Amino acid sequence: MSAERLARLALSRLGEPGDLRLAHWVTELGAVQFHDALRAGAELDGLNTELAARLPSVEPERDLERASRLGIRWIVPGDAEWPAALDDLEHVEPLHRMGRAPLGLWVRGPLRLHELPTPVAVVGARSATTYGTDVATELAAGLARAGSAVISGAAYGIDQAAHRGALAGDGPTVAVLACGVDRAYPSRHKPLLDHLADHGAVVSELAPGCSPTRPRFLARNRVIAALSLGTVVVEAAVRSGALNTANWASGLNRPVMGVPGPVTSAPSEGVHQLIRSGAASLVTRATEVLELTRPAGEHLVEPLRAPSRPRDLLGHDEQRVLEAVPLVRPAPPESVARTAGLGLVEVRASLVELRRRGLVEELPTGWRLADDADQG
């Protein structure tokens, strides 16, 4: 049991996730030396009095033993499982006076965080519409089928739909919580979280037993963004935690994507602002997300086109002749030529070609469109 692991656990117990002061001194001194300085009563810009008084009550060895009995592990930078992508948080401007990389993470579940395959965050409104949950489910399922892990926060609405979609797509999914990984929040999601603990992963900066608070949700959003190659927002009001996650992703220079909703929908107003401002790319399906999060050229999306029709293959003059052929009453070639504004010889040749293509038919009294020509 390394001193670094114990020191980081003890320090994480002294402050809130994303505490900039703790992160600063861990960077300046190292976790072990910072921990020892606090224990020795060293004055560190006023932190001594505030934190050192709580230090004797922290028992990292006991925390680890209790967690081990629950099947929970504590990982820190330098461990094989530590996801290197989290270290990018060290270079991002703080938001809401919090930031930097976690001191460590509690993980419950068999999925190893350093092995997450091309992870993508799918987040959004708790008060989601049926439209939003349907889109999130289908999008997450598509990502899972393509081999991407889906990261979300296990909240009501879009988060829940994202996890369920990933499971339906038979892919890995990770829930990042604002409370201990042994707690079900919201409580109605206990079956979902238990399933993720058995087959995926449940992650938190907070020690087992800790309760969620509003600031902790904001802090966990940076972990969701940092674990992912990109973040998709499906429904978010103008004030939304999902937009906070998008801000972290933007600060990390990771793609931010938004799924548009009805222009009259309040739950989509925040997403629409992201797209309108250029902060997010518009996406509507998993393939478009893959194009932005996979290596360049690996998942190119073909532009959407209507199905080709036989008349799309016609030349310009053949198109004019076809438009001049009547639908019901047959017309002689001379009449078709006058309507099309083309020469008779050219029209006769075009009519023969159009007949070969099944677009017109010749009757004793002239030419008319074939039965299916107006559909083609």
Protein backbone atom coordinates (compact mmCIF):
# COMPACT_ATOMS: atom_id res chain seq x y z
CA MET A 1 0.00 0.00 0.00
CA SER A 2 1.96 2.99 -1.28
CA ALA A 3 2.37 6.24 0.61
CA GLU A 4 1.21 8.14 -2.50
CA ARG A 5 -2.06 6.24 -2.62
CA LEU A 6 -2.77 6.80 1.06
CA ALA A 7 -1.79 10.46 0.95
CA ARG A 8 -4.07 11.19 -2.01
CA LEU A 9 -6.96 9.41 -0.34
CA ALA A 10 -6.46 11.32 2.90
CA LEU A 11 -6.23 14.65 1.07
CA SER A 12 -9.36 13.88 -0.93
CA ARG A 13 -11.20 13.44 2.36
CA LEU A 14 -10.18 16.94 3.51
CA GLY A 15 -11.64 18.92 0.64
CA GLU A 16 -14.30 18.87 -2.03
CA PRO A 17 -13.75 17.46 -5.52
CA GLY A 18 -12.05 20.02 -7.74
CA ASP A 19 -10.61 21.97 -4.77
CA LEU A 20 -8.04 24.23 -6.43
CA ARG A 21 -6.04 24.78 -3.24
CA LEU A 22 -5.46 21.11 -2.66
CA ALA A 23 -4.59 20.57 -6.30
CA HIS A 24 -2.12 23.45 -6.21
CA TRP A 25 -0.17 22.09 -3.26
CA VAL A 26 -0.22 18.52 -4.55
CA THR A 27 1.37 19.86 -7.74
CA GLU A 28 3.87 22.04 -5.84
CA LEU A 29 4.97 19.58 -3.17
CA GLY A 30 3.64 16.18 -4.20
CA ALA A 31 0.84 14.41 -2.38
CA VAL A 32 3.02 12.72 0.25
CA GLN A 33 5.03 15.82 1.16
CA PHE A 34 1.91 18.00 1.23
CA HIS A 35 0.15 15.49 3.49
CA ASP A 36 3.17 15.31 5.80
CA ALA A 37 3.44 19.11 5.90
CA LEU A 38 -0.16 19.40 7.01
CA ARG A 39 0.33 16.74 9.65
CA ALA A 40 3.45 18.54 10.90
CA GLY A 41 1.57 21.81 11.23
CA ALA A 42 3.38 23.69 8.47
CA GLU A 43 1.73 26.98 7.45
CA LEU A 44 0.57 26.78 3.83
CA ASP A 45 -1.30 29.98 2.99
CA GLY A 46 -3.89 29.44 5.67
CA LEU A 47 -4.62 25.82 4.80
CA ASN A 48 -3.03 24.47 7.95
CA THR A 49 -5.68 25.59 10.42
CA GLU A 50 -8.55 24.69 8.15
CA LEU A 51 -7.43 21.25 7.00
CA ALA A 52 -4.95 19.98 9.54
CA ALA A 53 -7.62 19.98 12.25
CA ARG A 54 -9.58 17.42 10.26
CA LEU A 55 -6.60 15.28 9.30
CA PRO A 56 -6.52 13.13 12.48
CA SER A 57 -10.04 11.92 11.80
CA VAL A 58 -9.12 10.63 8.34
CA GLU A 59 -8.28 6.93 8.20
CA PRO A 60 -7.25 6.05 4.63
CA GLU A 61 -6.26 2.48 5.44
CA ARG A 62 -9.66 1.82 6.94
CA ASP A 63 -11.36 3.45 3.95
CA LEU A 64 -9.49 1.13 1.61
CA GLU A 65 -10.32 -1.96 3.66
CA ARG A 66 -14.00 -1.07 3.79
CA ALA A 67 -14.06 -0.32 0.07
CA SER A 68 -12.33 -3.57 -0.76
CA ARG A 69 -15.03 -5.52 1.04
CA LEU A 70 -17.60 -3.76 -1.17
CA GLY A 71 -15.69 -4.51 -4.37
CA ILE A 72 -14.59 -0.90 -4.75
CA ARG A 73 -11.06 0.16 -5.73
CA TRP A 74 -9.18 3.45 -5.39
CA ILE A 75 -7.03 4.43 -8.37
CA VAL A 76 -4.56 7.30 -8.56
CA PRO A 77 -2.22 8.81 -11.16
CA GLY A 78 0.58 6.37 -11.87
CA ASP A 79 -1.65 3.32 -11.57
CA ALA A 80 -2.01 1.18 -14.67
CA GLU A 81 -5.75 1.83 -14.68
CA TRP A 82 -5.48 5.60 -14.38
CA PRO A 83 -6.93 7.17 -17.58
CA ALA A 84 -4.28 9.55 -18.89
CA ALA A 85 -7.00 11.72 -20.47
CA LEU A 86 -7.86 13.05 -17.00
CA ASP A 87 -4.46 14.69 -16.75
CA ASP A 88 -5.51 17.16 -19.46
CA LEU A 89 -7.62 18.86 -16.78
CA GLU A 90 -4.40 20.30 -15.36
CA HIS A 91 -4.28 22.69 -18.32
CA VAL A 92 -7.91 23.87 -18.33
CA GLU A 93 -9.11 27.15 -16.84
CA PRO A 94 -11.21 26.56 -13.70
CA LEU A 95 -14.98 26.85 -13.80
CA HIS A 96 -17.00 27.85 -10.73
CA ARG A 97 -13.74 28.00 -8.76
CA MET A 98 -13.05 24.31 -9.28
CA GLY A 99 -10.93 22.32 -11.62
CA ARG A 100 -7.70 20.34 -12.11
CA ALA A 101 -7.40 16.58 -12.27
CA PRO A 102 -8.90 14.43 -9.50
CA LEU A 103 -6.62 13.32 -6.68
CA GLY A 104 -7.93 9.85 -7.36
CA LEU A 105 -11.06 7.96 -8.33
CA TRP A 106 -13.20 5.34 -6.64
CA VAL A 107 -14.29 2.67 -9.13
CA ARG A 108 -16.90 -0.03 -8.75
CA GLY A 109 -17.23 -2.55 -11.57
CA PRO A 110 -15.14 -4.79 -13.83
CA LEU A 111 -14.55 -2.26 -16.60
CA ARG A 112 -11.02 -0.81 -16.46
CA LEU A 113 -10.92 2.92 -17.10
CA HIS A 114 -7.66 2.87 -19.07
CA GLU A 115 -9.22 0.39 -21.48
CA LEU A 116 -12.35 2.37 -22.36
CA PRO A 117 -12.80 2.05 -26.13
CA THR A 118 -13.15 5.48 -27.80
CA PRO A 119 -15.42 6.83 -25.03
CA VAL A 120 -18.09 9.44 -25.79
CA ALA A 121 -20.13 11.37 -23.23
CA VAL A 122 -23.89 11.63 -23.80
CA VAL A 123 -25.52 14.08 -21.39
CA GLY A 124 -28.61 16.24 -21.17
CA ALA A 125 -31.68 17.35 -19.32
CA ARG A 126 -33.12 15.53 -16.33
CA SER A 127 -36.59 16.75 -17.30
CA ALA A 128 -36.24 15.26 -20.75
CA THR A 129 -38.99 14.89 -23.30
CA THR A 130 -39.92 11.63 -24.98
CA TYR A 131 -38.20 12.96 -28.08
CA GLY A 132 -34.99 13.55 -26.13
CA THR A 133 -34.88 10.18 -24.42
CA ASP A 134 -35.65 8.37 -27.68
CA VAL A 135 -32.85 10.21 -29.49
CA ALA A 136 -30.37 9.64 -26.64
CA THR A 137 -31.19 5.94 -26.46
CA GLU A 138 -30.79 5.40 -30.20
CA LEU A 139 -27.64 7.51 -30.39
CA ALA A 140 -25.99 5.70 -27.46
CA ALA A 141 -26.98 2.32 -28.89
CA GLY A 142 -25.42 3.28 -32.20
CA LEU A 143 -22.20 4.36 -30.50
CA ALA A 144 -22.10 1.14 -28.51
CA ARG A 145 -22.63 -0.99 -31.62
CA ALA A 146 -19.73 0.88 -33.24
CA GLY A 147 -17.48 -0.01 -30.31
CA SER A 148 -17.53 3.23 -28.29
CA ALA A 149 -18.00 3.33 -24.53
CA VAL A 150 -20.76 5.69 -23.41
CA ILE A 151 -20.08 7.97 -20.42
CA SER A 152 -22.87 9.72 -18.52
CA GLY A 153 -24.03 10.68 -15.04
CA ALA A 154 -26.84 8.19 -14.24
CA ALA A 155 -29.32 11.03 -13.62
CA TYR A 156 -32.94 11.00 -14.70
CA GLY A 157 -33.80 11.79 -18.30
CA ILE A 158 -31.06 11.84 -20.91
CA ASP A 159 -28.36 10.25 -18.71
CA GLN A 160 -30.51 7.24 -17.95
CA ALA A 161 -31.48 6.92 -21.62
CA ALA A 162 -27.80 7.06 -22.64
CA HIS A 163 -26.82 4.23 -20.28
CA ARG A 164 -29.77 2.10 -21.33
CA GLY A 165 -29.05 2.73 -24.99
CA ALA A 166 -25.44 1.64 -24.56
CA LEU A 167 -26.59 -1.54 -22.80
CA ALA A 168 -29.10 -2.19 -25.57
CA GLY A 169 -26.25 -1.81 -28.06
CA ASP A 170 -24.28 -4.38 -26.07
CA GLY A 171 -21.50 -1.90 -25.34
CA PRO A 172 -19.65 -0.66 -22.26
CA THR A 173 -20.97 2.28 -20.28
CA VAL A 174 -19.66 4.25 -17.30
CA ALA A 175 -21.64 6.28 -14.76
CA VAL A 176 -19.80 9.15 -13.04
CA LEU A 177 -21.51 10.09 -9.79
CA ALA A 178 -21.58 13.11 -7.47
CA CYS A 179 -21.76 10.80 -4.44
CA GLY A 180 -20.09 7.61 -3.27
CA VAL A 181 -20.13 4.73 -5.74
CA ASP A 182 -21.86 2.57 -3.15
CA ARG A 183 -24.87 4.88 -3.13
CA ALA A 184 -27.75 4.91 -5.58
CA TYR A 185 -28.60 8.44 -6.58
CA PRO A 186 -31.30 8.86 -7.60
CA SER A 187 -32.54 5.95 -5.51
CA ARG A 188 -34.83 4.71 -8.28
CA HIS A 189 -31.76 4.05 -10.40
CA LYS A 190 -30.37 1.46 -8.00
CA PRO A 191 -31.09 -1.45 -10.41
CA LEU A 192 -29.34 0.42 -13.22
CA LEU A 193 -26.32 1.31 -11.09
CA ASP A 194 -26.08 -2.22 -9.73
CA HIS A 195 -26.12 -3.54 -13.28
CA LEU A 196 -23.37 -1.10 -14.27
CA ALA A 197 -21.38 -2.20 -11.23
CA ASP A 198 -21.66 -5.80 -12.43
CA HIS A 199 -20.96 -5.20 -16.11
CA GLY A 200 -19.50 -1.71 -16.59
CA ALA A 201 -18.18 0.83 -14.12
CA VAL A 202 -19.46 3.34 -11.59
CA VAL A 203 -16.96 6.12 -10.81
CA SER A 204 -16.64 8.98 -8.33
CA GLU A 205 -14.07 11.26 -6.71
CA LEU A 206 -16.01 10.98 -3.47
CA ALA A 207 -15.37 8.24 -0.96
CA PRO A 208 -18.00 5.54 -0.40
CA GLY A 209 -20.86 6.78 1.73
CA CYS A 210 -20.61 10.43 0.63
CA SER A 211 -23.81 12.26 -0.29
CA PRO A 212 -24.42 14.34 -3.42
CA THR A 213 -24.47 18.15 -3.32
CA ARG A 214 -24.92 20.74 -6.05
CA PRO A 215 -21.20 21.69 -6.19
CA ARG A 216 -20.31 18.02 -6.42
CA PHE A 217 -22.42 17.64 -9.54
CA LEU A 218 -20.54 20.53 -11.14
CA ALA A 219 -17.21 18.97 -10.17
CA ARG A 220 -18.12 15.55 -11.52
CA ASN A 221 -19.03 17.12 -14.89
CA ARG A 222 -15.37 17.81 -15.58
CA VAL A 223 -14.60 14.10 -15.04
CA ILE A 224 -17.32 13.10 -17.51
CA ALA A 225 -15.88 15.48 -20.09
CA ALA A 226 -12.27 14.49 -19.48
CA LEU A 227 -12.93 10.75 -19.69
CA SER A 228 -14.48 11.23 -23.14
CA LEU A 229 -13.17 11.98 -26.61
CA GLY A 230 -16.18 14.23 -27.14
CA THR A 231 -19.44 15.27 -25.48
CA VAL A 232 -22.92 15.11 -27.01
CA VAL A 233 -25.65 17.23 -25.45
CA VAL A 234 -29.20 15.97 -26.03
CA GLU A 235 -31.67 18.51 -24.64
CA ALA A 236 -30.45 21.15 -22.22
CA ALA A 237 -32.26 24.24 -21.03
CA VAL A 238 -30.50 27.61 -20.95
CA ARG A 239 -29.36 26.85 -17.37
CA SER A 240 -28.30 23.23 -17.33
CA GLY A 241 -25.62 21.04 -15.82
CA ALA A 242 -25.19 19.46 -19.24
CA LEU A 243 -24.00 22.81 -20.57
CA ASN A 244 -21.42 22.85 -17.78
CA THR A 245 -20.13 19.51 -19.04
CA ALA A 246 -20.00 20.96 -22.56
CA ASN A 247 -17.96 23.91 -21.25
CA TRP A 248 -15.44 21.52 -19.73
CA ALA A 249 -15.22 19.57 -22.98
CA SER A 250 -14.64 22.79 -24.87
CA GLY A 251 -11.89 23.79 -22.46
CA LEU A 252 -10.27 20.42 -23.04
CA ASN A 253 -10.39 21.03 -26.81
CA ARG A 254 -12.60 17.97 -27.22
CA PRO A 255 -15.49 18.03 -29.71
CA VAL A 256 -18.79 19.35 -28.35
CA MET A 257 -21.87 18.17 -30.22
CA GLY A 258 -25.52 19.10 -29.90
CA VAL A 259 -28.68 17.33 -31.01
CA PRO A 260 -31.26 19.91 -32.16
CA GLY A 261 -34.80 19.75 -30.89
CA PRO A 262 -38.03 21.49 -31.88
CA VAL A 263 -37.55 25.25 -32.02
CA THR A 264 -40.44 25.65 -29.58
CA SER A 265 -38.94 23.29 -26.99
CA ALA A 266 -37.54 24.92 -23.84
CA PRO A 267 -35.47 21.81 -22.98
CA SER A 268 -33.55 22.32 -26.24
CA GLU A 269 -32.88 26.06 -25.95
CA GLY A 270 -29.45 25.57 -24.41
CA VAL A 271 -28.43 23.13 -27.13
CA HIS A 272 -29.62 25.51 -29.82
CA GLN A 273 -27.52 28.31 -28.33
CA LEU A 274 -24.45 26.06 -28.36
CA ILE A 275 -25.00 25.25 -32.02
CA ARG A 276 -25.88 28.82 -33.02
CA SER A 277 -22.76 30.23 -31.34
CA GLY A 278 -20.52 27.68 -33.00
CA ALA A 279 -19.61 26.08 -29.68
CA ALA A 280 -21.15 22.77 -30.74
CA SER A 281 -21.43 20.83 -33.97
CA LEU A 282 -24.91 19.73 -34.96
CA VAL A 283 -25.34 15.94 -34.89
CA THR A 284 -28.42 13.81 -35.43
CA ARG A 285 -27.12 10.24 -35.41
CA ALA A 286 -24.29 8.09 -34.09
CA THR A 287 -22.38 8.06 -37.39
CA GLU A 288 -22.00 11.85 -37.23
CA VAL A 289 -20.65 11.59 -33.68
CA LEU A 290 -18.18 8.92 -34.76
CA GLU A 291 -16.94 11.14 -37.58
CA LEU A 292 -16.00 13.81 -35.02
CA THR A 293 -14.54 11.54 -32.33
CA ARG A 294 -12.69 8.85 -34.27
CA PRO A 295 -9.39 9.39 -36.12
CA ALA A 296 -9.67 11.56 -39.20
CA GLY A 297 -10.99 9.68 -42.18
CA GLU A 298 -12.04 6.60 -40.22
CA HIS A 299 -15.78 7.36 -40.13
CA LEU A 300 -16.66 9.69 -42.98
CA VAL A 301 -20.38 10.36 -43.26
CA GLU A 302 -21.86 10.44 -46.74
CA PRO A 303 -24.17 13.41 -47.34
CA LEU A 304 -27.82 12.46 -47.09
CA ARG A 305 -29.50 12.20 -50.47
CA ALA A 306 -32.92 11.19 -51.73
CA PRO A 307 -33.06 7.83 -53.49
CA SER A 308 -32.06 8.00 -57.16
CA ARG A 309 -34.89 7.86 -59.68
CA PRO A 310 -34.66 6.66 -63.30
CA ARG A 311 -35.26 10.18 -64.61
CA ASP A 312 -32.25 11.44 -62.59
CA LEU A 313 -30.01 9.63 -65.08
CA LEU A 314 -31.47 11.39 -68.12
CA GLY A 315 -29.67 14.04 -70.08
CA HIS A 316 -30.96 17.61 -70.24
CA ASP A 317 -32.77 17.24 -73.58
CA GLU A 318 -34.26 13.87 -72.59
CA GLN A 319 -35.62 15.52 -69.46
CA ARG A 320 -37.28 18.21 -71.63
CA VAL A 321 -38.82 15.60 -73.90
CA LEU A 322 -40.11 13.58 -70.95
CA GLU A 323 -41.74 16.68 -69.46
CA ALA A 324 -43.44 17.35 -72.81
CA VAL A 325 -45.01 13.89 -73.09
CA PRO A 326 -48.66 13.92 -71.91
CA LEU A 327 -49.82 11.76 -69.03
CA VAL A 328 -53.17 10.48 -70.41
CA ARG A 329 -53.97 11.37 -74.04
CA PRO A 330 -51.19 10.25 -76.47
CA ALA A 331 -49.54 12.95 -78.58
CA PRO A 332 -47.71 12.61 -81.87
CA PRO A 333 -43.94 13.33 -81.98
CA GLU A 334 -44.60 16.67 -83.70
CA SER A 335 -46.72 17.86 -80.75
CA VAL A 336 -44.09 16.68 -78.25
CA ALA A 337 -41.38 18.50 -80.23
CA ARG A 338 -43.34 21.77 -80.19
CA THR A 339 -43.94 21.54 -76.42
CA ALA A 340 -40.31 20.66 -75.70
CA GLY A 341 -38.96 23.30 -78.07
CA LEU A 342 -36.66 20.78 -79.77
CA GLY A 343 -36.20 19.45 -83.29
CA LEU A 344 -38.34 16.53 -84.48
CA VAL A 345 -35.40 14.24 -85.28
CA GLU A 346 -33.93 14.79 -81.83
CA VAL A 347 -37.31 14.24 -80.16
CA ARG A 348 -37.93 10.97 -82.03
CA ALA A 349 -34.52 9.66 -80.88
CA SER A 350 -35.22 10.74 -77.30
CA LEU A 351 -38.64 9.07 -77.31
CA VAL A 352 -37.08 5.78 -78.39
CA GLU A 353 -34.55 6.04 -75.55
CA LEU A 354 -37.23 6.95 -73.01
CA ARG A 355 -39.27 3.96 -74.14
CA ARG A 356 -36.24 1.74 -73.64
CA ARG A 357 -36.00 3.04 -70.08
CA GLY A 358 -39.67 2.29 -69.46
CA LEU A 359 -40.63 5.94 -68.99
CA VAL A 360 -42.91 6.38 -72.02
CA GLU A 361 -45.03 4.12 -74.19
CA GLU A 362 -45.97 4.34 -77.88
CA LEU A 363 -49.58 3.85 -78.90
CA PRO A 364 -51.16 3.96 -82.38
CA THR A 365 -52.17 7.58 -81.82
CA GLY A 366 -48.91 8.78 -80.31
CA TRP A 367 -46.83 8.84 -77.15
CA ARG A 368 -47.73 9.14 -73.46
CA LEU A 369 -46.06 8.58 -70.10
CA ALA A 370 -45.76 5.02 -68.87
CA ASP A 371 -47.82 4.16 -65.80
CA ASP A 372 -44.90 4.54 -63.36
CA ALA A 373 -43.11 7.38 -65.09
CA ASP A 374 -44.59 10.07 -62.86
CA GLN A 375 -43.28 8.15 -59.83
CA GLY A 376 -39.80 7.80 -61.30
